Structures are given as C-alpha cells and as structure tokens.
Amino acid sequence: MTLAQARKRFPLVPDEILKWAVQNISDQRDLEIGLFRLEQTRRLQIKYGA
C-alpha cells in the first residue's frame, strides 16, 4: 500500500502515523489491521467527544 492509498482509505489517521506505518510495517495484512483500528479509534473519539 502506498502512502496515497493509505491516506485515501484511512483519512482520520494522522499523516505522521500513516507515513511511519507504510514505511515500517512490511506485512500488508498487519498494516491494514493496524490502520483500520486507528481509524475506528478516531471515529469513536469524534463521536463521543473525547
């Protein structure tokens, strides 16, 4: 996954985290799982105002 693809798919994950994850997590499945969990966390924070 490229940085542009990750940005489009996970828009709520901060840029510096996306960049680090794309560069350092070689297993595509692990990368997607981690970014998906971060995206879910941000959605919950926004929803509940935390």
PDB file of N, CA and C in Angstrom:
ATOM      1  N   MET A   1       0.854  -1.170   0.000  1.00  0.00           N
ATOM      2  CA  MET A   1       0.000   0.000   0.000  1.00  0.00           C
ATOM      3  C   MET A   1       0.898   1.229   0.000  1.00  0.00           C
ATOM      4  N   THR A   2       0.576   2.167  -0.850  1.00  0.00           N
ATOM      5  CA  THR A   2       1.328   3.418  -0.899  1.00  0.00           C
ATOM      6  C   THR A   2       0.753   4.400   0.121  1.00  0.00           C
ATOM      7  N   LEU A   3       1.493   5.455   0.357  1.00  0.00           N
ATOM      8  CA  LEU A   3       1.034   6.480   1.291  1.00  0.00           C
ATOM      9  C   LEU A   3      -0.259   7.129   0.794  1.00  0.00           C
ATOM     10  N   ALA A   4      -0.357   7.358  -0.503  1.00  0.00           N
ATOM     11  CA  ALA A   4      -1.565   7.960  -1.077  1.00  0.00           C
ATOM     12  C   ALA A   4      -2.773   7.041  -0.907  1.00  0.00           C
ATOM     13  N   GLN A   5      -2.581   5.758  -1.107  1.00  0.00           N
ATOM     14  CA  GLN A   5      -3.670   4.794  -0.929  1.00  0.00           C
ATOM     15  C   GLN A   5      -4.103   4.753   0.535  1.00  0.00           C
ATOM     16  N   ALA A   6      -3.137   4.754   1.431  1.00  0.00           N
ATOM     17  CA  ALA A   6      -3.442   4.726   2.865  1.00  0.00           C
ATOM     18  C   ALA A   6      -4.195   5.991   3.277  1.00  0.00           C
ATOM     19  N   ARG A   7      -3.778   7.153   2.769  1.00  0.00           N
ATOM     20  CA  ARG A   7      -4.438   8.418   3.102  1.00  0.00           C
ATOM     21  C   ARG A   7      -5.892   8.405   2.644  1.00  0.00           C
ATOM     22  N   LYS A   8      -6.126   7.865   1.442  1.00  0.00           N
ATOM     23  CA  LYS A   8      -7.480   7.814   0.909  1.00  0.00           C
ATOM     24  C   LYS A   8      -8.355   6.840   1.704  1.00  0.00           C
ATOM     25  N   ARG A   9      -7.786   5.722   2.092  1.00  0.00           N
ATOM     26  CA  ARG A   9      -8.552   4.675   2.779  1.00  0.00           C
ATOM     27  C   ARG A   9      -8.762   4.971   4.263  1.00  0.00           C
ATOM     28  N   PHE A  10      -7.786   5.647   4.883  1.00  0.00           N
ATOM     29  CA  PHE A  10      -7.847   5.932   6.327  1.00  0.00           C
ATOM     30  C   PHE A  10      -7.658   7.427   6.571  1.00  0.00           C
ATOM     31  N   PRO A  11      -8.647   8.240   6.234  1.00  0.00           N
ATOM     32  CA  PRO A  11      -8.478   9.698   6.285  1.00  0.00           C
ATOM     33  C   PRO A  11      -8.332  10.289   7.688  1.00  0.00           C
ATOM     34  N   LEU A  12      -8.762   9.589   8.713  1.00  0.00           N
ATOM     35  CA  LEU A  12      -8.701  10.154  10.064  1.00  0.00           C
ATOM     36  C   LEU A  12      -7.396   9.852  10.795  1.00  0.00           C
ATOM     37  N   VAL A  13      -6.582   8.967  10.243  1.00  0.00           N
ATOM     38  CA  VAL A  13      -5.298   8.628  10.867  1.00  0.00           C
ATOM     39  C   VAL A  13      -4.312   9.759  10.555  1.00  0.00           C
ATOM     40  N   PRO A  14      -3.614  10.276  11.567  1.00  0.00           N
ATOM     41  CA  PRO A  14      -2.673  11.382  11.348  1.00  0.00           C
ATOM     42  C   PRO A  14      -1.583  11.037  10.313  1.00  0.00           C
ATOM     43  N   ASP A  15      -1.150  12.040   9.570  1.00  0.00           N
ATOM     44  CA  ASP A  15      -0.171  11.852   8.489  1.00  0.00           C
ATOM     45  C   ASP A  15       1.119  11.194   8.958  1.00  0.00           C
ATOM     46  N   GLU A  16       1.654  11.650  10.085  1.00  0.00           N
ATOM     47  CA  GLU A  16       2.934  11.101  10.545  1.00  0.00           C
ATOM     48  C   GLU A  16       2.816   9.621  10.906  1.00  0.00           C
ATOM     49  N   ILE A  17       1.670   9.207  11.418  1.00  0.00           N
ATOM     50  CA  ILE A  17       1.459   7.796  11.737  1.00  0.00           C
ATOM     51  C   ILE A  17       1.311   6.982  10.461  1.00  0.00           C
ATOM     52  N   LEU A  18       0.563   7.508   9.502  1.00  0.00           N
ATOM     53  CA  LEU A  18       0.425   6.814   8.212  1.00  0.00           C
ATOM     54  C   LEU A  18       1.781   6.622   7.551  1.00  0.00           C
ATOM     55  N   LYS A  19       2.548   7.680   7.500  1.00  0.00           N
ATOM     56  CA  LYS A  19       3.861   7.617   6.848  1.00  0.00           C
ATOM     57  C   LYS A  19       4.749   6.582   7.528  1.00  0.00           C
ATOM     58  N   TRP A  20       4.809   6.619   8.858  1.00  0.00           N
ATOM     59  CA  TRP A  20       5.627   5.662   9.592  1.00  0.00           C
ATOM     60  C   TRP A  20       5.165   4.234   9.346  1.00  0.00           C
ATOM     61  N   ALA A  21       3.859   4.008   9.411  1.00  0.00           N
ATOM     62  CA  ALA A  21       3.319   2.661   9.263  1.00  0.00           C
ATOM     63  C   ALA A  21       3.604   2.103   7.868  1.00  0.00           C
ATOM     64  N   VAL A  22       3.396   2.899   6.837  1.00  0.00           N
ATOM     65  CA  VAL A  22       3.634   2.435   5.463  1.00  0.00           C
ATOM     66  C   VAL A  22       5.112   2.097   5.264  1.00  0.00           C
ATOM     67  N   GLN A  23       6.001   2.869   5.863  1.00  0.00           N
ATOM     68  CA  GLN A  23       7.432   2.650   5.704  1.00  0.00           C
ATOM     69  C   GLN A  23       7.952   1.484   6.536  1.00  0.00           C
ATOM     70  N   ASN A  24       7.339   1.218   7.688  1.00  0.00           N
ATOM     71  CA  ASN A  24       7.930   0.268   8.635  1.00  0.00           C
ATOM     72  C   ASN A  24       7.193  -1.051   8.823  1.00  0.00           C
ATOM     73  N   ILE A  25       5.968  -1.163   8.364  1.00  0.00           N
ATOM     74  CA  ILE A  25       5.219  -2.413   8.525  1.00  0.00           C
ATOM     75  C   ILE A  25       5.174  -3.099   7.166  1.00  0.00           C
ATOM     76  N   SER A  26       5.962  -4.164   7.035  1.00  0.00           N
ATOM     77  CA  SER A  26       6.099  -4.811   5.729  1.00  0.00           C
ATOM     78  C   SER A  26       4.937  -5.748   5.396  1.00  0.00           C
ATOM     79  N   ASP A  27       4.324  -6.345   6.410  1.00  0.00           N
ATOM     80  CA  ASP A  27       3.207  -7.267   6.171  1.00  0.00           C
ATOM     81  C   ASP A  27       1.948  -6.454   5.865  1.00  0.00           C
ATOM     82  N   GLN A  28       1.450  -6.602   4.660  1.00  0.00           N
ATOM     83  CA  GLN A  28       0.292  -5.819   4.196  1.00  0.00           C
ATOM     84  C   GLN A  28      -0.926  -6.023   5.092  1.00  0.00           C
ATOM     85  N   ARG A  29      -1.146  -7.230   5.518  1.00  0.00           N
ATOM     86  CA  ARG A  29      -2.313  -7.525   6.374  1.00  0.00           C
ATOM     87  C   ARG A  29      -2.193  -6.819   7.732  1.00  0.00           C
ATOM     88  N   ASP A  30      -1.010  -6.889   8.330  1.00  0.00           N
ATOM     89  CA  ASP A  30      -0.788  -6.214   9.615  1.00  0.00           C
ATOM     90  C   ASP A  30      -0.949  -4.701   9.476  1.00  0.00           C
ATOM     91  N   LEU A  31      -0.461  -4.159   8.370  1.00  0.00           N
ATOM     92  CA  LEU A  31      -0.587  -2.726   8.114  1.00  0.00           C
ATOM     93  C   LEU A  31      -2.056  -2.322   8.050  1.00  0.00           C
ATOM     94  N   GLU A  32      -2.842  -3.057   7.288  1.00  0.00           N
ATOM     95  CA  GLU A  32      -4.262  -2.739   7.146  1.00  0.00           C
ATOM     96  C   GLU A  32      -5.009  -2.884   8.463  1.00  0.00           C
ATOM     97  N   ILE A  33      -4.715  -3.924   9.221  1.00  0.00           N
ATOM     98  CA  ILE A  33      -5.381  -4.135  10.510  1.00  0.00           C
ATOM     99  C   ILE A  33      -5.067  -2.985  11.465  1.00  0.00           C
ATOM    100  N   GLY A  34      -3.796  -2.619  11.555  1.00  0.00           N
ATOM    101  CA  GLY A  34      -3.394  -1.541  12.458  1.00  0.00           C
ATOM    102  C   GLY A  34      -4.018  -0.213  12.090  1.00  0.00           C
ATOM    103  N   LEU A  35      -3.982   0.122  10.800  1.00  0.00           N
ATOM    104  CA  LEU A  35      -4.561   1.391  10.367  1.00  0.00           C
ATOM    105  C   LEU A  35      -6.072   1.396  10.526  1.00  0.00           C
ATOM    106  N   PHE A  36      -6.703   0.263  10.295  1.00  0.00           N
ATOM    107  CA  PHE A  36      -8.158   0.163  10.483  1.00  0.00           C
ATOM    108  C   PHE A  36      -8.527   0.403  11.940  1.00  0.00           C
ATOM    109  N   ARG A  37      -7.757  -0.168  12.858  1.00  0.00           N
ATOM    110  CA  ARG A  37      -8.031   0.030  14.289  1.00  0.00           C
ATOM    111  C   ARG A  37      -7.830   1.484  14.703  1.00  0.00           C
ATOM    112  N   LEU A  38      -6.800   2.112  14.167  1.00  0.00           N
ATOM    113  CA  LEU A  38      -6.599   3.533  14.464  1.00  0.00           C
ATOM    114  C   LEU A  38      -7.742   4.378  13.923  1.00  0.00           C
ATOM    115  N   GLU A  39      -8.199   4.052  12.735  1.00  0.00           N
ATOM    116  CA  GLU A  39      -9.325   4.769  12.130  1.00  0.00           C
ATOM    117  C   GLU A  39     -10.575   4.621  12.994  1.00  0.00           C
ATOM    118  N   GLN A  40     -10.845   3.401  13.471  1.00  0.00           N
ATOM    119  CA  GLN A  40     -12.004   3.171  14.335  1.00  0.00           C
ATOM    120  C   GLN A  40     -11.897   3.983  15.617  1.00  0.00           C
ATOM    121  N   THR A  41     -10.710   4.026  16.192  1.00  0.00           N
ATOM    122  CA  THR A  41     -10.497   4.768  17.431  1.00  0.00           C
ATOM    123  C   THR A  41     -10.779   6.256  17.234  1.00  0.00           C
ATOM    124  N   ARG A  42     -10.283   6.819  16.128  1.00  0.00           N
ATOM    125  CA  ARG A  42     -10.537   8.230  15.848  1.00  0.00           C
ATOM    126  C   ARG A  42     -12.028   8.498  15.655  1.00  0.00           C
ATOM    127  N   ARG A  43     -12.728   7.586  14.972  1.00  0.00           N
ATOM    128  CA  ARG A  43     -14.176   7.761  14.776  1.00  0.00           C
ATOM    129  C   ARG A  43     -14.911   7.782  16.115  1.00  0.00           C
ATOM    130  N   LEU A  44     -14.516   6.894  17.027  1.00  0.00           N
ATOM    131  CA  LEU A  44     -15.153   6.859  18.348  1.00  0.00           C
ATOM    132  C   LEU A  44     -14.839   8.130  19.140  1.00  0.00           C
ATOM    133  N   GLN A  45     -13.596   8.609  19.054  1.00  0.00           N
ATOM    134  CA  GLN A  45     -13.229   9.830  19.754  1.00  0.00           C
ATOM    135  C   GLN A  45     -14.050  11.009  19.242  1.00  0.00           C
ATOM    136  N   ILE A  46     -14.225  11.082  17.946  1.00  0.00           N
ATOM    137  CA  ILE A  46     -15.006  12.171  17.369  1.00  0.00           C
ATOM    138  C   ILE A  46     -16.474  12.031  17.766  1.00  0.00           C
ATOM    139  N   LYS A  47     -16.991  10.825  17.707  1.00  0.00           N
ATOM    140  CA  LYS A  47     -18.399  10.592  18.020  1.00  0.00           C
ATOM    141  C   LYS A  47     -18.747  10.939  19.454  1.00  0.00           C
ATOM    142  N   TYR A  48     -17.864  10.565  20.371  1.00  0.00           N
ATOM    143  CA  TYR A  48     -18.152  10.766  21.784  1.00  0.00           C
ATOM    144  C   TYR A  48     -17.411  11.960  22.399  1.00  0.00           C
ATOM    145  N   GLY A  49     -16.743  12.731  21.567  1.00  0.00           N
ATOM    146  CA  GLY A  49     -16.124  13.964  22.005  1.00  0.00           C
ATOM    147  C   GLY A  49     -14.993  13.826  22.998  1.00  0.00           C
ATOM    148  N   ALA A  50     -14.267  12.728  22.921  1.00  0.00           N
ATOM    149  CA  ALA A  50     -13.163  12.515  23.878  1.00  0.00           C
ATOM    150  C   ALA A  50     -11.901  13.208  23.436  1.00  0.00           C
TER     151      ALA A  50
END
